[in-house]
Amino acid sequence: MLDVLVPSIVALVVTLFSTPWILKVSRERGFVGKDVNKPDRPEVPSLGGLGILSGFIAGSFTLLVEDPAFETIVSAVMLSSLIIGLLGLLDDVLNLKQSVRAIMPVFASVPLAVYSVGHSVISIPFVGLVNFGLLYYVIIVPAALTITSNAFNMLEGLNGLGTGMGVIMAAALAYIGLRGNGVTSEAGDLAIILAISLIAFLYFNKYPAKIFLGNVGTYFIGSVIGSIGISGYMLTALAVLFIPYVIEFVLKARTKFKGISFGQVDNDGYMHWDSFPNSLTHVVMKMGRMREYQVVAVLWGMELVFAIGAVVLQSTVIRI
């Protein structure tokens, strides 16, 4: 635990100091988006994910310098995540085709696949330990990283939503890591660094948001969470943590992925959605009269339940 103290402080400081600068530059260069969930629809800078990226990379590199034993796992996680973070940044700037966004994470998974050589076993609830052999490296690792990075990008659009979901998911992986040993423990340290970076960024991203994550943020967070789960051999937990995103995928698939997560807002700031839900955000809006931050809080609570389930199922081999 103490070995991650200084890296966490570095991640916190870098995120807190880099985000205001990114906010200023994004606004000056025109990288802004309308906050459509507010009655006055203000323009908000949209490259905030670069602050999280900066904090996490700085903290992870500090961890590597402090203990070179982390070299293989830190290198694999950083390289895969940086590639996908770059993909997100290019998408923010160039508006890439959906096919490109879907395929690129497959190539970004190569460092994680190489790192994982020698370990191809997954603990599956109600089944036990299953050795997938070669399929683990050529199918499961690429698929896991592609799904986590793309799925995280789907459930976003409300102030603080993605950042808070990321905090909860990273905290669950950190808890599992702290209870484990070897590479699982090392992955847990990286999850702590990610959680700290996200908490620092949440100060700027919470309601009312001063800056948005942008695609660089959503893709990067999803890829780091995926990379930590893969490198720390916590795939069961990863699957449970992403159940809300599976539901989101199904809802968005009904619209051929043209659906939105935004809501309709009245002059008093209350949100509603009158049609069939395109997103989990709409499902929550239909539960009652809520403001944006209340919708976000409900979704955070939902993710917290799955996080607890992820910890239990990852830590216990259940058979019938």
C-alpha atoms as a PDB file:
ATOM      1  CA  MET A   1       0.000   0.000   0.000  1.00  0.00           C
ATOM      2  CA  LEU A   2       2.760   2.469   0.929  1.00  0.00           C
ATOM      3  CA  ASP A   3       4.547   1.862  -2.382  1.00  0.00           C
ATOM      4  CA  VAL A   4       1.704   3.627  -4.189  1.00  0.00           C
ATOM      5  CA  LEU A   5       1.532   6.661  -1.865  1.00  0.00           C
ATOM      6  CA  VAL A   6       4.000   8.902  -3.724  1.00  0.00           C
ATOM      7  CA  PRO A   7       2.722   7.862  -7.208  1.00  0.00           C
ATOM      8  CA  SER A   8      -0.824   8.665  -6.066  1.00  0.00           C
ATOM      9  CA  ILE A   9       0.232  12.110  -4.845  1.00  0.00           C
ATOM     10  CA  VAL A  10       1.978  12.732  -8.183  1.00  0.00           C
ATOM     11  CA  ALA A  11      -1.164  11.658 -10.070  1.00  0.00           C
ATOM     12  CA  LEU A  12      -3.313  13.936  -7.914  1.00  0.00           C
ATOM     13  CA  VAL A  13      -1.080  16.990  -8.322  1.00  0.00           C
ATOM     14  CA  VAL A  14      -0.524  16.541 -12.081  1.00  0.00           C
ATOM     15  CA  THR A  15      -4.263  16.118 -12.732  1.00  0.00           C
ATOM     16  CA  LEU A  16      -5.221  19.110 -10.575  1.00  0.00           C
ATOM     17  CA  PHE A  17      -2.654  21.406 -12.210  1.00  0.00           C
ATOM     18  CA  SER A  18      -2.890  20.197 -15.818  1.00  0.00           C
ATOM     19  CA  THR A  19      -6.688  20.261 -16.091  1.00  0.00           C
ATOM     20  CA  PRO A  20      -7.123  24.065 -15.697  1.00  0.00           C
ATOM     21  CA  TRP A  21      -4.467  24.585 -18.390  1.00  0.00           C
ATOM     22  CA  ILE A  22      -6.210  22.093 -20.699  1.00  0.00           C
ATOM     23  CA  LEU A  23      -9.514  23.835 -19.981  1.00  0.00           C
ATOM     24  CA  LYS A  24      -8.039  27.190 -21.022  1.00  0.00           C
ATOM     25  CA  VAL A  25      -6.343  25.881 -24.179  1.00  0.00           C
ATOM     26  CA  SER A  26      -9.408  23.858 -25.246  1.00  0.00           C
ATOM     27  CA  ARG A  27     -11.586  26.944 -25.020  1.00  0.00           C
ATOM     28  CA  GLU A  28      -9.070  29.098 -26.906  1.00  0.00           C
ATOM     29  CA  ARG A  29      -8.700  26.530 -29.716  1.00  0.00           C
ATOM     30  CA  GLY A  30     -12.429  25.985 -30.066  1.00  0.00           C
ATOM     31  CA  PHE A  31     -12.609  22.464 -28.665  1.00  0.00           C
ATOM     32  CA  VAL A  32     -15.908  23.010 -26.880  1.00  0.00           C
ATOM     33  CA  GLY A  33     -19.284  21.323 -26.747  1.00  0.00           C
ATOM     34  CA  LYS A  34     -22.718  22.523 -25.720  1.00  0.00           C
ATOM     35  CA  ASP A  35     -23.975  21.296 -22.370  1.00  0.00           C
ATOM     36  CA  VAL A  36     -27.384  20.343 -23.729  1.00  0.00           C
ATOM     37  CA  ASN A  37     -28.645  19.209 -20.318  1.00  0.00           C
ATOM     38  CA  LYS A  38     -28.772  22.818 -19.115  1.00  0.00           C
ATOM     39  CA  PRO A  39     -31.602  25.228 -20.035  1.00  0.00           C
ATOM     40  CA  ASP A  40     -29.104  27.845 -21.335  1.00  0.00           C
ATOM     41  CA  ARG A  41     -26.910  25.234 -23.158  1.00  0.00           C
ATOM     42  CA  PRO A  42     -23.507  26.782 -22.246  1.00  0.00           C
ATOM     43  CA  GLU A  43     -20.346  25.928 -24.191  1.00  0.00           C
ATOM     44  CA  VAL A  44     -17.902  23.781 -22.183  1.00  0.00           C
ATOM     45  CA  PRO A  45     -14.292  22.799 -23.080  1.00  0.00           C
ATOM     46  CA  SER A  46     -14.203  19.169 -24.194  1.00  0.00           C
ATOM     47  CA  LEU A  47     -10.665  17.746 -23.981  1.00  0.00           C
ATOM     48  CA  GLY A  48     -10.611  17.185 -20.227  1.00  0.00           C
ATOM     49  CA  GLY A  49      -9.575  13.556 -20.570  1.00  0.00           C
ATOM     50  CA  LEU A  50      -6.047  14.776 -21.277  1.00  0.00           C
ATOM     51  CA  GLY A  51      -5.827  15.812 -17.625  1.00  0.00           C
ATOM     52  CA  ILE A  52      -6.672  12.279 -16.474  1.00  0.00           C
ATOM     53  CA  LEU A  53      -4.232  10.837 -19.007  1.00  0.00           C
ATOM     54  CA  SER A  54      -1.474  13.138 -17.753  1.00  0.00           C
ATOM     55  CA  GLY A  55      -2.113  12.314 -14.108  1.00  0.00           C
ATOM     56  CA  PHE A  56      -2.303   8.562 -14.614  1.00  0.00           C
ATOM     57  CA  ILE A  57       0.807   8.376 -16.797  1.00  0.00           C
ATOM     58  CA  ALA A  58       2.796  10.566 -14.380  1.00  0.00           C
ATOM     59  CA  GLY A  59       1.710   8.476 -11.397  1.00  0.00           C
ATOM     60  CA  SER A  60       2.367   5.175 -13.169  1.00  0.00           C
ATOM     61  CA  PHE A  61       5.821   6.292 -14.293  1.00  0.00           C
ATOM     62  CA  THR A  62       6.617   7.332 -10.712  1.00  0.00           C
ATOM     63  CA  LEU A  63       5.573   3.867  -9.544  1.00  0.00           C
ATOM     64  CA  LEU A  64       7.902   2.349 -12.131  1.00  0.00           C
ATOM     65  CA  VAL A  65      10.824   4.531 -11.037  1.00  0.00           C
ATOM     66  CA  GLU A  66      10.247   3.695  -7.372  1.00  0.00           C
ATOM     67  CA  ASP A  67      10.079  -0.047  -8.038  1.00  0.00           C
ATOM     68  CA  PRO A  68      11.445  -1.364 -11.375  1.00  0.00           C
ATOM     69  CA  ALA A  69       9.784  -4.699 -10.559  1.00  0.00           C
ATOM     70  CA  PHE A  70       6.620  -3.102 -11.966  1.00  0.00           C
ATOM     71  CA  GLU A  71       8.279  -2.682 -15.364  1.00  0.00           C
ATOM     72  CA  THR A  72       6.359  -5.281 -17.379  1.00  0.00           C
ATOM     73  CA  ILE A  73       2.850  -4.551 -16.110  1.00  0.00           C
ATOM     74  CA  VAL A  74       3.237  -0.751 -16.093  1.00  0.00           C
ATOM     75  CA  SER A  75       4.718  -0.763 -19.587  1.00  0.00           C
ATOM     76  CA  ALA A  76       1.930  -2.962 -20.981  1.00  0.00           C
ATOM     77  CA  VAL A  77      -0.878  -0.958 -19.358  1.00  0.00           C
ATOM     78  CA  MET A  78       0.596   2.431 -20.278  1.00  0.00           C
ATOM     79  CA  LEU A  79       1.347   1.506 -23.891  1.00  0.00           C
ATOM     80  CA  SER A  80      -2.059  -0.035 -24.614  1.00  0.00           C
ATOM     81  CA  SER A  81      -3.893   2.814 -22.877  1.00  0.00           C
ATOM     82  CA  LEU A  82      -1.860   5.542 -24.577  1.00  0.00           C
ATOM     83  CA  ILE A  83      -2.616   4.075 -28.011  1.00  0.00           C
ATOM     84  CA  ILE A  84      -6.340   4.140 -27.276  1.00  0.00           C
ATOM     85  CA  GLY A  85      -6.082   7.571 -25.652  1.00  0.00           C
ATOM     86  CA  LEU A  86      -4.517   8.800 -28.904  1.00  0.00           C
ATOM     87  CA  LEU A  87      -7.410   7.195 -30.784  1.00  0.00           C
ATOM     88  CA  GLY A  88      -9.844   9.172 -28.627  1.00  0.00           C
ATOM     89  CA  LEU A  89      -7.949  12.413 -29.205  1.00  0.00           C
ATOM     90  CA  LEU A  90      -7.943  11.838 -32.963  1.00  0.00           C
ATOM     91  CA  ASP A  91     -11.670  11.191 -32.772  1.00  0.00           C
ATOM     92  CA  ASP A  92     -12.197  14.490 -30.936  1.00  0.00           C
ATOM     93  CA  VAL A  93     -10.199  16.348 -33.583  1.00  0.00           C
ATOM     94  CA  LEU A  94     -11.002  14.434 -36.794  1.00  0.00           C
ATOM     95  CA  ASN A  95     -14.305  12.669 -35.980  1.00  0.00           C
ATOM     96  CA  LEU A  96     -13.128   9.201 -37.017  1.00  0.00           C
ATOM     97  CA  LYS A  97     -15.385   6.598 -38.604  1.00  0.00           C
ATOM     98  CA  GLN A  98     -17.083   4.190 -36.214  1.00  0.00           C
ATOM     99  CA  SER A  99     -15.324   1.245 -37.892  1.00  0.00           C
ATOM    100  CA  VAL A 100     -11.907   2.776 -37.108  1.00  0.00           C
ATOM    101  CA  ARG A 101     -12.867   3.326 -33.466  1.00  0.00           C
ATOM    102  CA  ALA A 102     -13.994  -0.285 -33.210  1.00  0.00           C
ATOM    103  CA  ILE A 103     -10.902  -1.864 -34.782  1.00  0.00           C
ATOM    104  CA  MET A 104      -8.020   0.197 -33.348  1.00  0.00           C
ATOM    105  CA  PRO A 105      -8.231  -1.264 -29.802  1.00  0.00           C
ATOM    106  CA  VAL A 106      -7.475  -4.699 -31.281  1.00  0.00           C
ATOM    107  CA  PHE A 107      -3.999  -3.477 -32.264  1.00  0.00           C
ATOM    108  CA  ALA A 108      -3.615  -1.662 -28.944  1.00  0.00           C
ATOM    109  CA  SER A 109      -4.126  -4.985 -27.139  1.00  0.00           C
ATOM    110  CA  VAL A 110      -0.851  -6.443 -28.467  1.00  0.00           C
ATOM    111  CA  PRO A 111       1.291  -5.248 -25.499  1.00  0.00           C
ATOM    112  CA  LEU A 112      -1.214  -6.788 -23.071  1.00  0.00           C
ATOM    113  CA  ALA A 113      -1.342 -10.055 -25.019  1.00  0.00           C
ATOM    114  CA  VAL A 114       2.472 -10.292 -25.017  1.00  0.00           C
ATOM    115  CA  TYR A 115       2.557  -9.466 -21.304  1.00  0.00           C
ATOM    116  CA  SER A 116      -0.015 -12.193 -20.567  1.00  0.00           C
ATOM    117  CA  VAL A 117       1.912 -15.014 -22.286  1.00  0.00           C
ATOM    118  CA  GLY A 118       2.112 -17.903 -19.845  1.00  0.00           C
ATOM    119  CA  HIS A 119      -1.235 -17.161 -18.218  1.00  0.00           C
ATOM    120  CA  SER A 120      -4.412 -18.192 -20.032  1.00  0.00           C
ATOM    121  CA  VAL A 121      -6.646 -19.286 -17.147  1.00  0.00           C
ATOM    122  CA  ILE A 122      -9.866 -17.525 -16.114  1.00  0.00           C
ATOM    123  CA  SER A 123     -11.866 -18.230 -12.953  1.00  0.00           C
ATOM    124  CA  ILE A 124     -15.495 -18.407 -14.088  1.00  0.00           C
ATOM    125  CA  PRO A 125     -18.271 -18.329 -11.461  1.00  0.00           C
ATOM    126  CA  PHE A 126     -20.218 -21.614 -11.191  1.00  0.00           C
ATOM    127  CA  VAL A 127     -17.648 -23.295 -13.446  1.00  0.00           C
ATOM    128  CA  GLY A 128     -14.204 -22.870 -11.898  1.00  0.00           C
ATOM    129  CA  LEU A 129     -10.816 -22.435 -13.541  1.00  0.00           C
ATOM    130  CA  VAL A 130     -10.816 -22.664 -17.338  1.00  0.00           C
ATOM    131  CA  ASN A 131      -7.655 -22.671 -19.461  1.00  0.00           C
ATOM    132  CA  PHE A 132      -8.374 -21.010 -22.811  1.00  0.00           C
ATOM    133  CA  GLY A 133      -4.885 -21.587 -24.230  1.00  0.00           C
ATOM    134  CA  LEU A 134      -4.116 -19.676 -27.421  1.00  0.00           C
ATOM    135  CA  LEU A 135      -7.664 -18.277 -27.581  1.00  0.00           C
ATOM    136  CA  TYR A 136      -6.885 -16.190 -24.500  1.00  0.00           C
ATOM    137  CA  TYR A 137      -4.227 -14.167 -26.352  1.00  0.00           C
ATOM    138  CA  VAL A 138      -5.797 -13.874 -29.805  1.00  0.00           C
ATOM    139  CA  ILE A 139      -9.487 -13.562 -28.869  1.00  0.00           C
ATOM    140  CA  ILE A 140     -10.149 -12.808 -25.194  1.00  0.00           C
ATOM    141  CA  VAL A 141      -7.513 -10.110 -24.560  1.00  0.00           C
ATOM    142  CA  PRO A 142      -8.236  -8.129 -27.770  1.00  0.00           C
ATOM    143  CA  ALA A 143     -11.995  -8.510 -27.267  1.00  0.00           C
ATOM    144  CA  ALA A 144     -11.836  -7.412 -23.620  1.00  0.00           C
ATOM    145  CA  LEU A 145      -9.861  -4.257 -24.394  1.00  0.00           C
ATOM    146  CA  THR A 146     -12.007  -3.409 -27.425  1.00  0.00           C
ATOM    147  CA  ILE A 147     -15.225  -3.856 -25.445  1.00  0.00           C
ATOM    148  CA  THR A 148     -14.113  -1.887 -22.375  1.00  0.00           C
ATOM    149  CA  SER A 149     -12.753   1.091 -24.321  1.00  0.00           C
ATOM    150  CA  ASN A 150     -15.717   1.350 -26.712  1.00  0.00           C
ATOM    151  CA  ALA A 151     -18.394   0.550 -24.126  1.00  0.00           C
ATOM    152  CA  PHE A 152     -17.193   3.200 -21.696  1.00  0.00           C
ATOM    153  CA  ASN A 153     -17.664   5.765 -24.446  1.00  0.00           C
ATOM    154  CA  MET A 154     -21.351   4.850 -24.808  1.00  0.00           C
ATOM    155  CA  LEU A 155     -22.634   5.725 -21.333  1.00  0.00           C
ATOM    156  CA  GLU A 156     -21.635   9.380 -21.039  1.00  0.00           C
ATOM    157  CA  GLY A 157     -23.201  12.786 -21.632  1.00  0.00           C
ATOM    158  CA  LEU A 158     -24.121  13.934 -18.120  1.00  0.00           C
ATOM    159  CA  ASN A 159     -21.873  16.000 -15.867  1.00  0.00           C
ATOM    160  CA  GLY A 160     -19.595  13.736 -13.827  1.00  0.00           C
ATOM    161  CA  LEU A 161     -21.238  10.502 -14.973  1.00  0.00           C
ATOM    162  CA  GLY A 162     -18.316   8.746 -16.695  1.00  0.00           C
ATOM    163  CA  THR A 163     -15.745  10.080 -14.232  1.00  0.00           C
ATOM    164  CA  GLY A 164     -17.705   8.834 -11.220  1.00  0.00           C
ATOM    165  CA  MET A 165     -18.382   5.452 -12.829  1.00  0.00           C
ATOM    166  CA  GLY A 166     -14.653   5.170 -13.460  1.00  0.00           C
ATOM    167  CA  VAL A 167     -13.854   5.959  -9.820  1.00  0.00           C
ATOM    168  CA  ILE A 168     -16.157   3.175  -8.613  1.00  0.00           C
ATOM    169  CA  MET A 169     -14.792   0.636 -11.103  1.00  0.00           C
ATOM    170  CA  ALA A 170     -11.163   1.528 -10.353  1.00  0.00           C
ATOM    171  CA  ALA A 171     -11.841   1.351  -6.604  1.00  0.00           C
ATOM    172  CA  ALA A 172     -13.283  -2.164  -6.970  1.00  0.00           C
ATOM    173  CA  LEU A 173     -10.228  -3.345  -8.930  1.00  0.00           C
ATOM    174  CA  ALA A 174      -7.943  -1.638  -6.385  1.00  0.00           C
ATOM    175  CA  TYR A 175      -9.670  -3.470  -3.511  1.00  0.00           C
ATOM    176  CA  ILE A 176      -9.318  -6.808  -5.264  1.00  0.00           C
ATOM    177  CA  GLY A 177      -5.669  -6.025  -6.007  1.00  0.00           C
ATOM    178  CA  LEU A 178      -4.884  -5.067  -2.402  1.00  0.00           C
ATOM    179  CA  ARG A 179      -6.275  -8.414  -1.242  1.00  0.00           C
ATOM    180  CA  GLY A 180      -4.257 -10.305  -3.828  1.00  0.00           C
ATOM    181  CA  ASN A 181      -0.581 -10.800  -4.473  1.00  0.00           C
ATOM    182  CA  GLY A 182       1.867 -10.808  -7.369  1.00  0.00           C
ATOM    183  CA  VAL A 183       0.641  -9.154 -10.557  1.00  0.00           C
ATOM    184  CA  THR A 184      -2.874  -8.792  -9.143  1.00  0.00           C
ATOM    185  CA  SER A 185      -1.469  -6.630  -6.371  1.00  0.00           C
ATOM    186  CA  GLU A 186       0.576  -4.628  -8.890  1.00  0.00           C
ATOM    187  CA  ALA A 187      -2.535  -4.067 -11.010  1.00  0.00           C
ATOM    188  CA  GLY A 188      -4.322  -2.936  -7.847  1.00  0.00           C
ATOM    189  CA  ASP A 189      -1.692  -0.225  -7.357  1.00  0.00           C
ATOM    190  CA  LEU A 190      -2.346   1.030 -10.893  1.00  0.00           C
ATOM    191  CA  ALA A 191      -6.083   1.039 -10.149  1.00  0.00           C
ATOM    192  CA  ILE A 192      -5.441   3.254  -7.108  1.00  0.00           C
ATOM    193  CA  ILE A 193      -3.490   5.704  -9.275  1.00  0.00           C
ATOM    194  CA  LEU A 194      -6.342   5.789 -11.802  1.00  0.00           C
ATOM    195  CA  ALA A 195      -8.937   6.320  -9.059  1.00  0.00           C
ATOM    196  CA  ILE A 196      -6.940   9.239  -7.611  1.00  0.00           C
ATOM    197  CA  SER A 197      -6.582  10.851 -11.051  1.00  0.00           C
ATOM    198  CA  LEU A 198     -10.324  10.507 -11.629  1.00  0.00           C
ATOM    199  CA  ILE A 199     -11.222  11.922  -8.213  1.00  0.00           C
ATOM    200  CA  ALA A 200      -9.002  14.933  -8.925  1.00  0.00           C
ATOM    201  CA  PHE A 201     -10.654  15.443 -12.312  1.00  0.00           C
ATOM    202  CA  LEU A 202     -14.143  15.063 -10.830  1.00  0.00           C
ATOM    203  CA  TYR A 203     -13.597  18.415  -9.074  1.00  0.00           C
ATOM    204  CA  PHE A 204     -13.765  20.057 -12.520  1.00  0.00           C
ATOM    205  CA  ASN A 205     -16.226  17.634 -14.141  1.00  0.00           C
ATOM    206  CA  LYS A 206     -18.917  17.411 -11.458  1.00  0.00           C
ATOM    207  CA  TYR A 207     -22.214  19.270 -11.851  1.00  0.00           C
ATOM    208  CA  PRO A 208     -22.115  21.947 -13.171  1.00  0.00           C
ATOM    209  CA  ALA A 209     -19.148  20.796 -15.273  1.00  0.00           C
ATOM    210  CA  LYS A 210     -16.351  23.226 -16.088  1.00  0.00           C
ATOM    211  CA  ILE A 211     -14.891  20.741 -18.601  1.00  0.00           C
ATOM    212  CA  PHE A 212     -15.998  17.548 -20.360  1.00  0.00           C
ATOM    213  CA  LEU A 213     -14.084  14.268 -20.673  1.00  0.00           C
ATOM    214  CA  GLY A 214     -14.202  14.225 -24.476  1.00  0.00           C
ATOM    215  CA  ASN A 215     -13.632  11.016 -26.407  1.00  0.00           C
ATOM    216  CA  VAL A 216      -9.987  11.101 -25.337  1.00  0.00           C
ATOM    217  CA  GLY A 217     -11.229  10.759 -21.753  1.00  0.00           C
ATOM    218  CA  THR A 218     -13.880   8.095 -22.202  1.00  0.00           C
ATOM    219  CA  TYR A 219     -11.704   5.890 -24.399  1.00  0.00           C
ATOM    220  CA  PHE A 220      -8.699   6.306 -22.107  1.00  0.00           C
ATOM    221  CA  ILE A 221     -10.591   5.509 -18.898  1.00  0.00           C
ATOM    222  CA  GLY A 222     -12.238   2.457 -20.444  1.00  0.00           C
ATOM    223  CA  SER A 223      -8.919   1.216 -21.811  1.00  0.00           C
ATOM    224  CA  VAL A 224      -7.074   1.673 -18.498  1.00  0.00           C
ATOM    225  CA  ILE A 225      -9.793  -0.168 -16.587  1.00  0.00           C
ATOM    226  CA  GLY A 226      -9.712  -2.917 -19.203  1.00  0.00           C
ATOM    227  CA  SER A 227      -5.908  -3.069 -19.185  1.00  0.00           C
ATOM    228  CA  ILE A 228      -5.778  -3.289 -15.390  1.00  0.00           C
ATOM    229  CA  GLY A 229      -8.391  -6.049 -15.352  1.00  0.00           C
ATOM    230  CA  ILE A 230      -6.549  -7.995 -18.058  1.00  0.00           C
ATOM    231  CA  SER A 231      -3.020  -7.555 -16.670  1.00  0.00           C
ATOM    232  CA  GLY A 232      -4.132  -8.277 -13.110  1.00  0.00           C
ATOM    233  CA  TYR A 233      -6.099 -11.355 -14.212  1.00  0.00           C
ATOM    234  CA  MET A 234      -9.355  -9.882 -12.881  1.00  0.00           C
ATOM    235  CA  LEU A 235     -11.498 -10.653 -15.933  1.00  0.00           C
ATOM    236  CA  THR A 236     -14.436 -11.934 -13.889  1.00  0.00           C
ATOM    237  CA  ALA A 237     -14.597  -8.633 -12.014  1.00  0.00           C
ATOM    238  CA  LEU A 238     -14.203  -6.752 -15.278  1.00  0.00           C
ATOM    239  CA  ALA A 239     -17.194  -8.559 -16.793  1.00  0.00           C
ATOM    240  CA  VAL A 240     -19.415  -7.774 -13.785  1.00  0.00           C
ATOM    241  CA  LEU A 241     -18.334  -4.120 -13.642  1.00  0.00           C
ATOM    242  CA  PHE A 242     -19.343  -3.630 -17.267  1.00  0.00           C
ATOM    243  CA  ILE A 243     -22.850  -5.122 -16.973  1.00  0.00           C
ATOM    244  CA  PRO A 244     -24.456  -1.620 -17.042  1.00  0.00           C
ATOM    245  CA  TYR A 245     -22.530  -0.974 -20.250  1.00  0.00           C
ATOM    246  CA  VAL A 246     -23.850  -4.216 -21.751  1.00  0.00           C
ATOM    247  CA  ILE A 247     -27.378  -2.937 -21.035  1.00  0.00           C
ATOM    248  CA  GLU A 248     -26.387   0.385 -22.604  1.00  0.00           C
ATOM    249  CA  PHE A 249     -25.093  -1.473 -25.669  1.00  0.00           C
ATOM    250  CA  VAL A 250     -28.430  -3.260 -26.090  1.00  0.00           C
ATOM    251  CA  LEU A 251     -30.387   0.000 -25.785  1.00  0.00           C
ATOM    252  CA  LYS A 252     -28.105   1.770 -28.253  1.00  0.00           C
ATOM    253  CA  ALA A 253     -28.186  -1.205 -30.654  1.00  0.00           C
ATOM    254  CA  ARG A 254     -31.954  -0.744 -30.980  1.00  0.00           C
ATOM    255  CA  THR A 255     -31.250   2.660 -32.522  1.00  0.00           C
ATOM    256  CA  LYS A 256     -28.418   1.315 -34.715  1.00  0.00           C
ATOM    257  CA  PHE A 257     -26.098   3.237 -32.381  1.00  0.00           C
ATOM    258  CA  LYS A 258     -27.635   6.580 -33.274  1.00  0.00           C
ATOM    259  CA  GLY A 259     -29.262   6.957 -29.847  1.00  0.00           C
ATOM    260  CA  ILE A 260     -28.158   9.590 -27.348  1.00  0.00           C
ATOM    261  CA  SER A 261     -27.646   9.647 -23.597  1.00  0.00           C
ATOM    262  CA  PHE A 262     -28.729  13.267 -23.187  1.00  0.00           C
ATOM    263  CA  GLY A 263     -32.144  14.092 -21.838  1.00  0.00           C
ATOM    264  CA  GLN A 264     -34.798  16.721 -22.382  1.00  0.00           C
ATOM    265  CA  VAL A 265     -34.587  19.495 -19.807  1.00  0.00           C
ATOM    266  CA  ASP A 266     -37.249  21.976 -18.727  1.00  0.00           C
ATOM    267  CA  ASN A 267     -36.698  25.572 -17.672  1.00  0.00           C
ATOM    268  CA  ASP A 268     -36.313  24.535 -14.023  1.00  0.00           C
ATOM    269  CA  GLY A 269     -33.476  22.128 -14.819  1.00  0.00           C
ATOM    270  CA  TYR A 270     -35.457  18.898 -14.387  1.00  0.00           C
ATOM    271  CA  MET A 271     -34.767  16.141 -16.892  1.00  0.00           C
ATOM    272  CA  HIS A 272     -37.181  13.817 -18.671  1.00  0.00           C
ATOM    273  CA  TRP A 273     -37.371  11.477 -21.646  1.00  0.00           C
ATOM    274  CA  ASP A 274     -40.724  10.859 -23.305  1.00  0.00           C
ATOM    275  CA  SER A 275     -39.827   8.207 -25.919  1.00  0.00           C
ATOM    276  CA  PHE A 276     -38.580   4.631 -25.523  1.00  0.00           C
ATOM    277  CA  PRO A 277     -35.223   4.759 -23.677  1.00  0.00           C
ATOM    278  CA  ASN A 278     -32.100   4.996 -25.841  1.00  0.00           C
ATOM    279  CA  SER A 279     -29.856   4.816 -22.787  1.00  0.00           C
ATOM    280  CA  LEU A 280     -29.738   3.873 -19.113  1.00  0.00           C
ATOM    281  CA  THR A 281     -29.856   7.611 -18.429  1.00  0.00           C
ATOM    282  CA  HIS A 282     -33.327   7.663 -19.975  1.00  0.00           C
ATOM    283  CA  VAL A 283     -34.425   4.681 -17.875  1.00  0.00           C
ATOM    284  CA  VAL A 284     -33.479   6.627 -14.746  1.00  0.00           C
ATOM    285  CA  MET A 285     -35.182   9.798 -16.004  1.00  0.00           C
ATOM    286  CA  LYS A 286     -38.427   7.840 -16.340  1.00  0.00           C
ATOM    287  CA  MET A 287     -38.220   6.825 -12.674  1.00  0.00           C
ATOM    288  CA  GLY A 288     -39.263  10.282 -11.482  1.00  0.00           C
ATOM    289  CA  ARG A 289     -38.663  14.015 -11.575  1.00  0.00           C
ATOM    290  CA  MET A 290     -34.899  14.492 -11.252  1.00  0.00           C
ATOM    291  CA  ARG A 291     -32.195  17.017 -11.929  1.00  0.00           C
ATOM    292  CA  GLU A 292     -29.059  16.026 -13.831  1.00  0.00           C
ATOM    293  CA  TYR A 293     -26.923  15.375 -10.751  1.00  0.00           C
ATOM    294  CA  GLN A 294     -29.653  13.160  -9.303  1.00  0.00           C
ATOM    295  CA  VAL A 295     -29.767  11.024 -12.450  1.00  0.00           C
ATOM    296  CA  VAL A 296     -25.975  10.686 -12.206  1.00  0.00           C
ATOM    297  CA  ALA A 297     -26.178   9.719  -8.516  1.00  0.00           C
ATOM    298  CA  VAL A 298     -28.666   6.909  -9.288  1.00  0.00           C
ATOM    299  CA  LEU A 299     -26.362   5.516 -11.991  1.00  0.00           C
ATOM    300  CA  TRP A 300     -23.373   5.740  -9.641  1.00  0.00           C
ATOM    301  CA  GLY A 301     -25.404   3.775  -7.083  1.00  0.00           C
ATOM    302  CA  MET A 302     -26.221   1.141  -9.695  1.00  0.00           C
ATOM    303  CA  GLU A 303     -22.542   0.776 -10.587  1.00  0.00           C
ATOM    304  CA  LEU A 304     -21.647   0.520  -6.895  1.00  0.00           C
ATOM    305  CA  VAL A 305     -23.910  -2.539  -6.581  1.00  0.00           C
ATOM    306  CA  PHE A 306     -22.148  -4.201  -9.516  1.00  0.00           C
ATOM    307  CA  ALA A 307     -18.768  -3.227  -8.034  1.00  0.00           C
ATOM    308  CA  ILE A 308     -19.624  -5.091  -4.833  1.00  0.00           C
ATOM    309  CA  GLY A 309     -20.708  -8.074  -6.932  1.00  0.00           C
ATOM    310  CA  ALA A 310     -17.446  -7.886  -8.885  1.00  0.00           C
ATOM    311  CA  VAL A 311     -15.396  -8.046  -5.685  1.00  0.00           C
ATOM    312  CA  VAL A 312     -17.349 -11.049  -4.375  1.00  0.00           C
ATOM    313  CA  LEU A 313     -17.302 -13.019  -7.628  1.00  0.00           C
ATOM    314  CA  GLN A 314     -13.628 -12.324  -8.372  1.00  0.00           C
ATOM    315  CA  SER A 315     -12.583 -13.341  -4.865  1.00  0.00           C
ATOM    316  CA  THR A 316     -14.667 -16.526  -4.654  1.00  0.00           C
ATOM    317  CA  VAL A 317     -14.740 -19.544  -6.986  1.00  0.00           C
ATOM    318  CA  ILE A 318     -18.384 -20.630  -6.933  1.00  0.00           C
ATOM    319  CA  ARG A 319     -19.415 -24.051  -8.176  1.00  0.00           C
ATOM    320  CA  ILE A 320     -22.787 -25.762  -8.396  1.00  0.00           C
END
